[in-house]
Amino acid sequence: MSYALITGAAKGIGNAIAVELAKQKRGLILIDIDERQLLESAQYIRDNHHVDVVTIVQDLSHPGAAATIFERTRWYHNYLNVIVNNAGYGLNAPFTELNIDDQLNIVDVNIKAQLRIAHAFVPVLKSFPSLTC
């Protein structure tokens, strides 16, 4: 069985992508900061699509998040051939009214974490038969 890793998988687009990949009978590694919603989503997918679902609760704003994810998924690396870097968020207020730390957190999650995850997993994807990166 091949696996897909999806960040931001608890709800919205990430969850919809997870369901579609489960319909293809792929195992899933679902990552999100929202533990309750992540576990509910994983159980729904297991119950309705009968695939293996691994959950990782992780705040992607932490600099070590990509390394943590990489290590926690090491067993699946020989089967992992899809990564969906979906996690991200925004703030809805005028720029000058937003706290600078909140704005920098967006950069950590939406840009830095995505780059770190992609960089960490390229060797894994390159080792999968018939994939080129």
N, C-alpha and C. Protein backbone atom coordinates (compact mmCIF):
# COMPACT_ATOMS: atom_id res chain seq x y z
N MET A 1 0.83 -1.18 0.00
CA MET A 1 0.00 0.00 0.00
C MET A 1 0.88 1.24 0.00
N SER A 2 0.54 2.21 -0.81
CA SER A 2 1.27 3.48 -0.79
C SER A 2 0.58 4.42 0.20
N TYR A 3 1.35 5.39 0.67
CA TYR A 3 0.87 6.35 1.66
C TYR A 3 0.99 7.77 1.15
N ALA A 4 0.12 8.62 1.67
CA ALA A 4 0.18 10.06 1.42
C ALA A 4 0.26 10.77 2.76
N LEU A 5 1.08 11.79 2.84
CA LEU A 5 1.20 12.63 4.02
C LEU A 5 0.51 13.95 3.69
N ILE A 6 -0.37 14.39 4.58
CA ILE A 6 -1.14 15.61 4.34
C ILE A 6 -1.07 16.49 5.57
N THR A 7 -0.60 17.72 5.42
CA THR A 7 -0.63 18.68 6.52
C THR A 7 -1.93 19.48 6.42
N GLY A 8 -2.38 19.97 7.55
CA GLY A 8 -3.64 20.70 7.57
C GLY A 8 -4.81 19.80 7.20
N ALA A 9 -4.77 18.56 7.69
CA ALA A 9 -5.70 17.52 7.24
C ALA A 9 -6.96 17.39 8.08
N ALA A 10 -7.11 18.15 9.13
CA ALA A 10 -8.25 17.97 10.02
C ALA A 10 -9.56 18.47 9.43
N LYS A 11 -9.50 19.47 8.58
CA LYS A 11 -10.74 20.04 8.04
C LYS A 11 -10.45 20.74 6.72
N GLY A 12 -11.48 21.19 6.08
CA GLY A 12 -11.35 21.98 4.87
C GLY A 12 -10.74 21.22 3.71
N ILE A 13 -9.92 21.92 2.95
CA ILE A 13 -9.31 21.35 1.75
C ILE A 13 -8.44 20.14 2.08
N GLY A 14 -7.65 20.23 3.15
CA GLY A 14 -6.79 19.11 3.53
C GLY A 14 -7.57 17.85 3.82
N ASN A 15 -8.69 18.00 4.50
CA ASN A 15 -9.53 16.84 4.79
C ASN A 15 -10.16 16.30 3.52
N ALA A 16 -10.61 17.18 2.64
CA ALA A 16 -11.20 16.74 1.37
C ALA A 16 -10.18 15.97 0.53
N ILE A 17 -8.95 16.43 0.52
CA ILE A 17 -7.89 15.73 -0.21
C ILE A 17 -7.65 14.36 0.42
N ALA A 18 -7.64 14.31 1.75
CA ALA A 18 -7.43 13.03 2.45
C ALA A 18 -8.52 12.03 2.08
N VAL A 19 -9.76 12.48 2.04
CA VAL A 19 -10.87 11.58 1.68
C VAL A 19 -10.69 11.07 0.25
N GLU A 20 -10.33 11.95 -0.67
CA GLU A 20 -10.15 11.53 -2.06
C GLU A 20 -9.01 10.51 -2.19
N LEU A 21 -7.92 10.72 -1.46
CA LEU A 21 -6.81 9.77 -1.50
C LEU A 21 -7.20 8.45 -0.85
N ALA A 22 -8.02 8.51 0.18
CA ALA A 22 -8.51 7.28 0.82
C ALA A 22 -9.39 6.48 -0.15
N LYS A 23 -10.15 7.17 -0.97
CA LYS A 23 -10.97 6.49 -1.98
C LYS A 23 -10.09 5.72 -2.97
N GLN A 24 -8.84 6.17 -3.14
CA GLN A 24 -7.88 5.48 -4.00
C GLN A 24 -7.17 4.35 -3.24
N LYS A 25 -7.59 4.13 -2.01
CA LYS A 25 -7.04 3.08 -1.15
C LYS A 25 -5.59 3.33 -0.75
N ARG A 26 -5.24 4.58 -0.58
CA ARG A 26 -3.92 4.94 -0.06
C ARG A 26 -3.99 5.01 1.46
N GLY A 27 -2.92 4.60 2.10
CA GLY A 27 -2.80 4.85 3.52
C GLY A 27 -2.53 6.34 3.71
N LEU A 28 -2.88 6.85 4.87
CA LEU A 28 -2.76 8.28 5.10
C LEU A 28 -1.99 8.59 6.37
N ILE A 29 -1.18 9.63 6.30
CA ILE A 29 -0.54 10.21 7.47
C ILE A 29 -1.09 11.63 7.54
N LEU A 30 -1.97 11.86 8.51
CA LEU A 30 -2.66 13.14 8.62
C LEU A 30 -2.04 13.96 9.74
N ILE A 31 -1.76 15.22 9.43
CA ILE A 31 -1.09 16.11 10.39
C ILE A 31 -1.91 17.38 10.55
N ASP A 32 -2.09 17.77 11.81
CA ASP A 32 -2.80 19.01 12.10
C ASP A 32 -2.53 19.40 13.54
N ILE A 33 -2.79 20.64 13.86
CA ILE A 33 -2.64 21.13 15.23
C ILE A 33 -3.89 20.86 16.06
N ASP A 34 -5.04 20.70 15.39
CA ASP A 34 -6.33 20.51 16.05
C ASP A 34 -6.57 19.01 16.31
N GLU A 35 -6.19 18.56 17.49
CA GLU A 35 -6.23 17.13 17.81
C GLU A 35 -7.64 16.55 17.71
N ARG A 36 -8.61 17.21 18.29
CA ARG A 36 -9.98 16.68 18.30
C ARG A 36 -10.50 16.48 16.89
N GLN A 37 -10.38 17.51 16.06
CA GLN A 37 -10.89 17.41 14.69
C GLN A 37 -10.08 16.41 13.87
N LEU A 38 -8.77 16.35 14.12
CA LEU A 38 -7.92 15.40 13.40
C LEU A 38 -8.34 13.97 13.70
N LEU A 39 -8.57 13.66 14.96
CA LEU A 39 -8.98 12.30 15.34
C LEU A 39 -10.36 11.96 14.79
N GLU A 40 -11.28 12.93 14.79
CA GLU A 40 -12.60 12.70 14.20
C GLU A 40 -12.50 12.43 12.70
N SER A 41 -11.69 13.22 12.01
CA SER A 41 -11.52 13.04 10.57
C SER A 41 -10.90 11.69 10.25
N ALA A 42 -9.89 11.32 11.03
CA ALA A 42 -9.22 10.04 10.82
C ALA A 42 -10.20 8.88 11.02
N GLN A 43 -11.02 8.97 12.06
CA GLN A 43 -11.98 7.89 12.32
C GLN A 43 -13.02 7.80 11.21
N TYR A 44 -13.47 8.93 10.72
CA TYR A 44 -14.43 8.94 9.61
C TYR A 44 -13.83 8.23 8.38
N ILE A 45 -12.58 8.55 8.08
CA ILE A 45 -11.92 7.95 6.92
C ILE A 45 -11.75 6.44 7.13
N ARG A 46 -11.31 6.04 8.31
CA ARG A 46 -11.16 4.60 8.59
C ARG A 46 -12.49 3.87 8.43
N ASP A 47 -13.55 4.44 9.01
CA ASP A 47 -14.87 3.79 8.99
C ASP A 47 -15.46 3.70 7.59
N ASN A 48 -15.21 4.71 6.77
CA ASN A 48 -15.86 4.78 5.47
C ASN A 48 -15.01 4.31 4.30
N HIS A 49 -13.68 4.27 4.49
CA HIS A 49 -12.82 3.91 3.35
C HIS A 49 -11.87 2.77 3.67
N HIS A 50 -11.83 2.34 4.91
CA HIS A 50 -11.10 1.13 5.32
C HIS A 50 -9.63 1.16 4.90
N VAL A 51 -8.96 2.26 5.19
CA VAL A 51 -7.52 2.39 4.94
C VAL A 51 -6.83 2.69 6.26
N ASP A 52 -5.53 2.46 6.29
CA ASP A 52 -4.72 2.78 7.46
C ASP A 52 -4.58 4.30 7.54
N VAL A 53 -4.83 4.85 8.72
CA VAL A 53 -4.70 6.29 8.94
C VAL A 53 -3.87 6.52 10.19
N VAL A 54 -2.78 7.23 10.02
CA VAL A 54 -1.90 7.62 11.11
C VAL A 54 -2.12 9.10 11.36
N THR A 55 -2.22 9.50 12.62
CA THR A 55 -2.39 10.92 12.93
C THR A 55 -1.20 11.44 13.71
N ILE A 56 -0.83 12.65 13.40
CA ILE A 56 0.24 13.34 14.13
C ILE A 56 -0.27 14.74 14.46
N VAL A 57 -0.37 15.02 15.74
CA VAL A 57 -0.75 16.35 16.18
C VAL A 57 0.53 17.16 16.27
N GLN A 58 0.60 18.23 15.47
CA GLN A 58 1.86 18.98 15.40
C GLN A 58 1.57 20.44 15.08
N ASP A 59 2.19 21.33 15.82
CA ASP A 59 2.16 22.76 15.53
C ASP A 59 3.30 23.03 14.56
N LEU A 60 2.96 23.37 13.33
CA LEU A 60 3.98 23.57 12.31
C LEU A 60 4.76 24.87 12.48
N SER A 61 4.35 25.73 13.39
CA SER A 61 5.10 26.96 13.60
C SER A 61 6.40 26.72 14.36
N HIS A 62 6.54 25.57 14.97
CA HIS A 62 7.78 25.24 15.69
C HIS A 62 8.86 24.89 14.68
N PRO A 63 10.06 25.45 14.83
CA PRO A 63 11.14 25.19 13.86
C PRO A 63 11.49 23.72 13.69
N GLY A 64 11.32 22.91 14.70
CA GLY A 64 11.65 21.48 14.61
C GLY A 64 10.51 20.60 14.13
N ALA A 65 9.40 21.19 13.72
CA ALA A 65 8.22 20.41 13.34
C ALA A 65 8.51 19.46 12.19
N ALA A 66 9.17 19.91 11.16
CA ALA A 66 9.45 19.05 9.99
C ALA A 66 10.32 17.87 10.40
N ALA A 67 11.32 18.11 11.22
CA ALA A 67 12.19 17.02 11.67
C ALA A 67 11.41 16.02 12.53
N THR A 68 10.51 16.53 13.37
CA THR A 68 9.68 15.65 14.19
C THR A 68 8.79 14.78 13.31
N ILE A 69 8.17 15.39 12.32
CA ILE A 69 7.30 14.65 11.39
C ILE A 69 8.12 13.61 10.64
N PHE A 70 9.28 14.01 10.17
CA PHE A 70 10.15 13.08 9.44
C PHE A 70 10.46 11.86 10.29
N GLU A 71 10.86 12.08 11.53
CA GLU A 71 11.22 10.97 12.41
C GLU A 71 10.01 10.11 12.77
N ARG A 72 8.89 10.73 13.03
CA ARG A 72 7.69 9.97 13.42
C ARG A 72 7.11 9.17 12.26
N THR A 73 7.49 9.51 11.04
CA THR A 73 6.97 8.79 9.87
C THR A 73 8.00 7.86 9.24
N ARG A 74 9.14 7.73 9.86
CA ARG A 74 10.25 6.98 9.26
C ARG A 74 9.83 5.58 8.79
N TRP A 75 9.00 4.89 9.57
CA TRP A 75 8.57 3.54 9.20
C TRP A 75 7.86 3.53 7.85
N TYR A 76 7.20 4.60 7.49
CA TYR A 76 6.38 4.67 6.27
C TYR A 76 7.15 5.16 5.05
N HIS A 77 8.39 5.56 5.22
CA HIS A 77 9.13 6.19 4.12
C HIS A 77 9.23 5.31 2.88
N ASN A 78 9.29 4.01 3.03
CA ASN A 78 9.36 3.12 1.85
C ASN A 78 8.04 3.04 1.10
N TYR A 79 6.98 3.56 1.68
CA TYR A 79 5.64 3.49 1.08
C TYR A 79 5.06 4.86 0.75
N LEU A 80 5.76 5.91 1.15
CA LEU A 80 5.27 7.28 1.00
C LEU A 80 5.60 7.82 -0.38
N ASN A 81 4.56 8.17 -1.16
CA ASN A 81 4.83 8.73 -2.48
C ASN A 81 4.00 9.96 -2.81
N VAL A 82 3.27 10.48 -1.83
CA VAL A 82 2.52 11.72 -2.01
C VAL A 82 2.67 12.57 -0.76
N ILE A 83 3.00 13.83 -0.95
CA ILE A 83 3.01 14.78 0.16
C ILE A 83 2.17 15.98 -0.27
N VAL A 84 1.20 16.32 0.56
CA VAL A 84 0.35 17.47 0.30
C VAL A 84 0.61 18.49 1.41
N ASN A 85 1.34 19.53 1.07
CA ASN A 85 1.65 20.60 2.01
C ASN A 85 0.49 21.59 2.00
N ASN A 86 -0.55 21.27 2.75
CA ASN A 86 -1.78 22.04 2.71
C ASN A 86 -1.94 23.00 3.89
N ALA A 87 -1.26 22.77 4.99
CA ALA A 87 -1.48 23.57 6.19
C ALA A 87 -1.20 25.04 5.93
N GLY A 88 -1.99 25.87 6.53
CA GLY A 88 -1.80 27.31 6.43
C GLY A 88 -3.00 28.04 6.98
N TYR A 89 -2.81 29.30 7.25
CA TYR A 89 -3.91 30.12 7.75
C TYR A 89 -3.62 31.59 7.46
N GLY A 90 -4.62 32.41 7.71
CA GLY A 90 -4.48 33.85 7.52
C GLY A 90 -5.17 34.59 8.64
N LEU A 91 -4.97 35.88 8.68
CA LEU A 91 -5.61 36.75 9.66
C LEU A 91 -6.43 37.79 8.90
N ASN A 92 -7.53 38.18 9.47
CA ASN A 92 -8.44 39.08 8.78
C ASN A 92 -8.59 40.39 9.55
N ALA A 93 -7.68 41.29 9.31
CA ALA A 93 -7.72 42.63 9.90
C ALA A 93 -6.71 43.48 9.15
N PRO A 94 -6.83 44.79 9.26
CA PRO A 94 -5.81 45.64 8.64
C PRO A 94 -4.42 45.32 9.20
N PHE A 95 -3.44 45.36 8.33
CA PHE A 95 -2.06 45.02 8.67
C PHE A 95 -1.59 45.73 9.94
N THR A 96 -1.87 47.02 10.05
CA THR A 96 -1.37 47.80 11.18
C THR A 96 -2.07 47.46 12.49
N GLU A 97 -3.20 46.76 12.42
CA GLU A 97 -3.92 46.39 13.63
C GLU A 97 -3.56 44.99 14.12
N LEU A 98 -2.82 44.26 13.33
CA LEU A 98 -2.44 42.90 13.70
C LEU A 98 -1.13 42.90 14.47
N ASN A 99 -1.04 42.02 15.44
CA ASN A 99 0.16 41.84 16.23
C ASN A 99 1.27 41.29 15.33
N ILE A 100 2.48 41.83 15.44
CA ILE A 100 3.59 41.39 14.59
C ILE A 100 3.94 39.92 14.84
N ASP A 101 3.83 39.47 16.07
CA ASP A 101 4.14 38.07 16.35
C ASP A 101 3.15 37.13 15.66
N ASP A 102 1.88 37.52 15.62
CA ASP A 102 0.88 36.72 14.91
C ASP A 102 1.18 36.69 13.42
N GLN A 103 1.63 37.81 12.87
CA GLN A 103 1.96 37.86 11.45
C GLN A 103 3.20 37.02 11.15
N LEU A 104 4.18 37.05 12.02
CA LEU A 104 5.38 36.23 11.83
C LEU A 104 5.05 34.74 11.96
N ASN A 105 4.08 34.41 12.80
CA ASN A 105 3.66 33.01 12.94
C ASN A 105 3.08 32.49 11.63
N ILE A 106 2.38 33.36 10.91
CA ILE A 106 1.86 32.97 9.59
C ILE A 106 3.02 32.60 8.67
N VAL A 107 4.08 33.36 8.69
CA VAL A 107 5.26 33.05 7.87
C VAL A 107 5.84 31.71 8.28
N ASP A 108 5.90 31.46 9.59
CA ASP A 108 6.44 30.18 10.09
C ASP A 108 5.62 29.00 9.59
N VAL A 109 4.30 29.11 9.63
CA VAL A 109 3.43 28.00 9.23
C VAL A 109 3.28 27.91 7.71
N ASN A 110 2.96 29.02 7.08
CA ASN A 110 2.61 29.01 5.66
C ASN A 110 3.81 28.92 4.72
N ILE A 111 4.97 29.31 5.19
CA ILE A 111 6.14 29.32 4.31
C ILE A 111 7.26 28.43 4.85
N LYS A 112 7.76 28.75 6.03
CA LYS A 112 8.92 28.02 6.55
C LYS A 112 8.63 26.53 6.76
N ALA A 113 7.50 26.22 7.38
CA ALA A 113 7.19 24.80 7.63
C ALA A 113 7.02 24.05 6.32
N GLN A 114 6.36 24.65 5.35
CA GLN A 114 6.13 23.98 4.07
C GLN A 114 7.47 23.71 3.37
N LEU A 115 8.35 24.69 3.42
CA LEU A 115 9.67 24.53 2.82
C LEU A 115 10.47 23.44 3.54
N ARG A 116 10.44 23.46 4.87
CA ARG A 116 11.19 22.46 5.64
C ARG A 116 10.67 21.04 5.38
N ILE A 117 9.35 20.89 5.31
CA ILE A 117 8.77 19.57 5.04
C ILE A 117 9.15 19.10 3.65
N ALA A 118 9.01 19.97 2.67
CA ALA A 118 9.37 19.59 1.29
C ALA A 118 10.84 19.19 1.22
N HIS A 119 11.71 19.97 1.83
CA HIS A 119 13.14 19.69 1.79
C HIS A 119 13.47 18.37 2.48
N ALA A 120 12.83 18.11 3.61
CA ALA A 120 13.09 16.87 4.36
C ALA A 120 12.65 15.63 3.59
N PHE A 121 11.53 15.73 2.87
CA PHE A 121 10.94 14.55 2.26
C PHE A 121 11.32 14.32 0.79
N VAL A 122 12.00 15.25 0.15
CA VAL A 122 12.40 15.02 -1.25
C VAL A 122 13.21 13.73 -1.40
N PRO A 123 14.19 13.45 -0.53
CA PRO A 123 14.91 12.18 -0.69
C PRO A 123 14.00 10.95 -0.55
N VAL A 124 12.99 11.04 0.29
CA VAL A 124 12.05 9.93 0.45
C VAL A 124 11.27 9.74 -0.84
N LEU A 125 10.77 10.83 -1.39
CA LEU A 125 9.99 10.75 -2.63
C LEU A 125 10.86 10.27 -3.79
N LYS A 126 12.10 10.71 -3.84
CA LYS A 126 12.99 10.30 -4.93
C LYS A 126 13.30 8.81 -4.88
N SER A 127 13.24 8.23 -3.69
CA SER A 127 13.56 6.81 -3.57
C SER A 127 12.38 5.91 -3.93
N PHE A 128 11.18 6.49 -4.08
CA PHE A 128 10.02 5.68 -4.42
C PHE A 128 10.09 5.29 -5.90
N PRO A 129 9.85 4.05 -6.22
CA PRO A 129 9.93 3.61 -7.62
C PRO A 129 9.03 4.45 -8.53
N SER A 130 9.54 4.84 -9.65
CA SER A 130 8.86 5.57 -10.72
C SER A 130 8.51 7.01 -10.39
N LEU A 131 9.12 7.60 -9.37
CA LEU A 131 8.93 9.01 -9.10
C LEU A 131 10.21 9.77 -9.42
N THR A 132 10.06 10.95 -9.95
CA THR A 132 11.20 11.84 -10.15
C THR A 132 10.87 13.18 -9.53
N CYS A 133 11.85 13.79 -8.91
CA CYS A 133 11.66 15.09 -8.27
C CYS A 133 12.67 16.08 -8.82
